[in-house]
Amino acid sequence: MSTTLFNNLDQENDPLWIAKEFFNSINNMFFLRTIGYLIEGKSYGDEYSDCEFPDNLEDDEVPFEGVRFRYHDDEVVVTEESFKDCLSLACKKYAEINPDKSSAIKNLLSRLQ
């Protein structure tokens, strides 16, 4: 089961909607583990959405700078700063929905550089 962190996304005017959909798609059971991977710079995803870092690419993939999010057939590359902002916001919303996980979220975010 996924927890909807970002509601009513504006695909026309919000350049981060794909990143937000990625965070929405994370199964609640795996949210903390996934955030840990992302903070470590490890790519994570499934057949519908993913978050990739340039140093985790296959040899035949086109390099990019920043962090790439994919949601179904849409993708966006964002700056490291935008990635960290979106990740932090997703964690804040997750902690609001799951107050019992707030200390784990704070611990994870303390590792975000």
Protein backbone atom coordinates (compact mmCIF):
# COMPACT_ATOMS: atom_id res chain seq x y z
CA MET A 1 0.00 0.00 0.00
CA SER A 2 1.29 3.43 -0.92
CA THR A 3 0.67 6.56 1.07
CA THR A 4 -0.25 9.58 -1.04
CA LEU A 5 2.16 12.28 0.07
CA PHE A 6 1.46 14.77 -2.69
CA ASN A 7 -2.16 15.32 -3.75
CA ASN A 8 -3.61 17.14 -6.76
CA LEU A 9 -0.35 17.36 -8.68
CA ASP A 10 -0.32 19.97 -11.43
CA GLN A 11 1.32 18.30 -14.42
CA GLU A 12 1.14 21.51 -16.45
CA ASN A 13 2.76 23.92 -13.97
CA ASP A 14 4.76 21.90 -11.44
CA PRO A 15 8.16 20.91 -12.87
CA LEU A 16 8.64 18.45 -9.99
CA TRP A 17 5.39 16.53 -10.45
CA ILE A 18 7.23 13.45 -11.76
CA ALA A 19 9.53 13.42 -8.70
CA LYS A 20 6.51 13.81 -6.43
CA GLU A 21 4.72 10.93 -8.18
CA PHE A 22 7.83 8.83 -7.60
CA PHE A 23 7.58 9.48 -3.86
CA ASN A 24 3.83 8.80 -3.96
CA SER A 25 4.51 5.44 -5.58
CA ILE A 26 6.79 4.12 -2.83
CA ASN A 27 5.12 1.36 -0.87
CA ASN A 28 4.61 2.54 2.72
CA MET A 29 6.29 -0.62 3.98
CA PHE A 30 9.51 0.24 2.09
CA PHE A 31 9.51 4.03 2.46
CA LEU A 32 12.24 4.30 5.11
CA ARG A 33 14.49 1.80 3.33
CA THR A 34 13.99 3.59 -0.01
CA ILE A 35 14.81 6.98 1.52
CA GLY A 36 17.98 5.45 2.98
CA TYR A 37 19.03 4.23 -0.48
CA LEU A 38 18.37 7.63 -2.04
CA ILE A 39 20.32 9.47 0.66
CA GLU A 40 23.24 7.14 -0.04
CA GLY A 41 22.99 8.00 -3.76
CA LYS A 42 21.75 4.55 -4.76
CA SER A 43 19.20 4.43 -7.56
CA TYR A 44 15.85 2.88 -6.70
CA GLY A 45 12.74 2.03 -8.65
CA ASP A 46 10.40 -0.47 -10.19
CA GLU A 47 8.79 -1.00 -13.57
CA TYR A 48 6.64 2.14 -13.21
CA SER A 49 8.86 4.71 -11.52
CA ASP A 50 12.43 5.24 -10.46
CA CYS A 51 15.00 7.67 -9.18
CA GLU A 52 18.45 7.43 -10.75
CA PHE A 53 21.82 8.95 -10.05
CA PRO A 54 24.35 9.49 -12.85
CA ASP A 55 26.99 7.20 -11.36
CA ASN A 56 24.55 4.23 -11.31
CA LEU A 57 24.01 4.13 -15.08
CA GLU A 58 24.53 1.17 -17.38
CA ASP A 59 27.30 1.53 -19.96
CA ASP A 60 24.87 2.16 -22.83
CA GLU A 61 22.86 4.89 -21.05
CA VAL A 62 23.24 8.58 -21.85
CA PRO A 63 24.94 10.43 -18.96
CA PHE A 64 23.23 13.33 -17.22
CA GLU A 65 23.90 15.78 -14.39
CA GLY A 66 21.61 15.89 -11.37
CA VAL A 67 19.03 13.27 -10.42
CA ARG A 68 16.61 11.68 -12.87
CA PHE A 69 13.07 10.71 -11.91
CA ARG A 70 10.80 8.58 -14.08
CA TYR A 71 7.09 7.98 -13.65
CA HIS A 72 5.61 5.70 -16.32
CA ASP A 73 6.70 7.26 -19.65
CA ASP A 74 7.56 10.69 -18.24
CA GLU A 75 10.92 11.70 -16.84
CA VAL A 76 12.68 14.75 -15.51
CA VAL A 77 16.25 15.51 -14.47
CA VAL A 78 16.48 17.84 -11.49
CA THR A 79 19.37 19.49 -9.70
CA GLU A 80 20.83 17.96 -6.56
CA GLU A 81 19.28 20.82 -4.60
CA SER A 82 15.80 20.20 -6.04
CA PHE A 83 16.22 16.48 -5.32
CA LYS A 84 17.08 17.18 -1.68
CA ASP A 85 14.21 19.66 -1.32
CA CYS A 86 11.69 17.21 -2.77
CA LEU A 87 13.03 14.30 -0.70
CA SER A 88 12.89 16.41 2.47
CA LEU A 89 9.34 17.51 1.72
CA ALA A 90 8.27 13.90 1.04
CA CYS A 91 9.83 12.85 4.37
CA LYS A 92 8.08 15.67 6.21
CA LYS A 93 4.73 14.65 4.76
CA TYR A 94 5.42 10.99 5.52
CA ALA A 95 6.25 11.84 9.14
CA GLU A 96 3.00 13.84 9.43
CA ILE A 97 1.01 10.84 8.21
CA ASN A 98 3.08 8.37 10.27
CA PRO A 99 4.07 10.18 13.49
CA ASP A 100 5.46 6.94 14.93
CA LYS A 101 8.16 7.05 12.21
CA SER A 102 9.17 10.69 12.75
CA SER A 103 12.34 9.89 14.71
CA ALA A 104 13.46 7.46 12.00
CA ILE A 105 12.81 10.14 9.39
CA LYS A 106 14.81 12.71 11.38
CA ASN A 107 17.65 10.23 11.66
CA LEU A 108 17.65 9.60 7.91
CA LEU A 109 17.46 13.30 7.04
CA SER A 110 20.41 14.03 9.33
CA ARG A 111 22.50 12.00 6.85
CA LEU A 112 21.40 14.11 3.88
CA GLN A 113 24.31 16.29 2.79
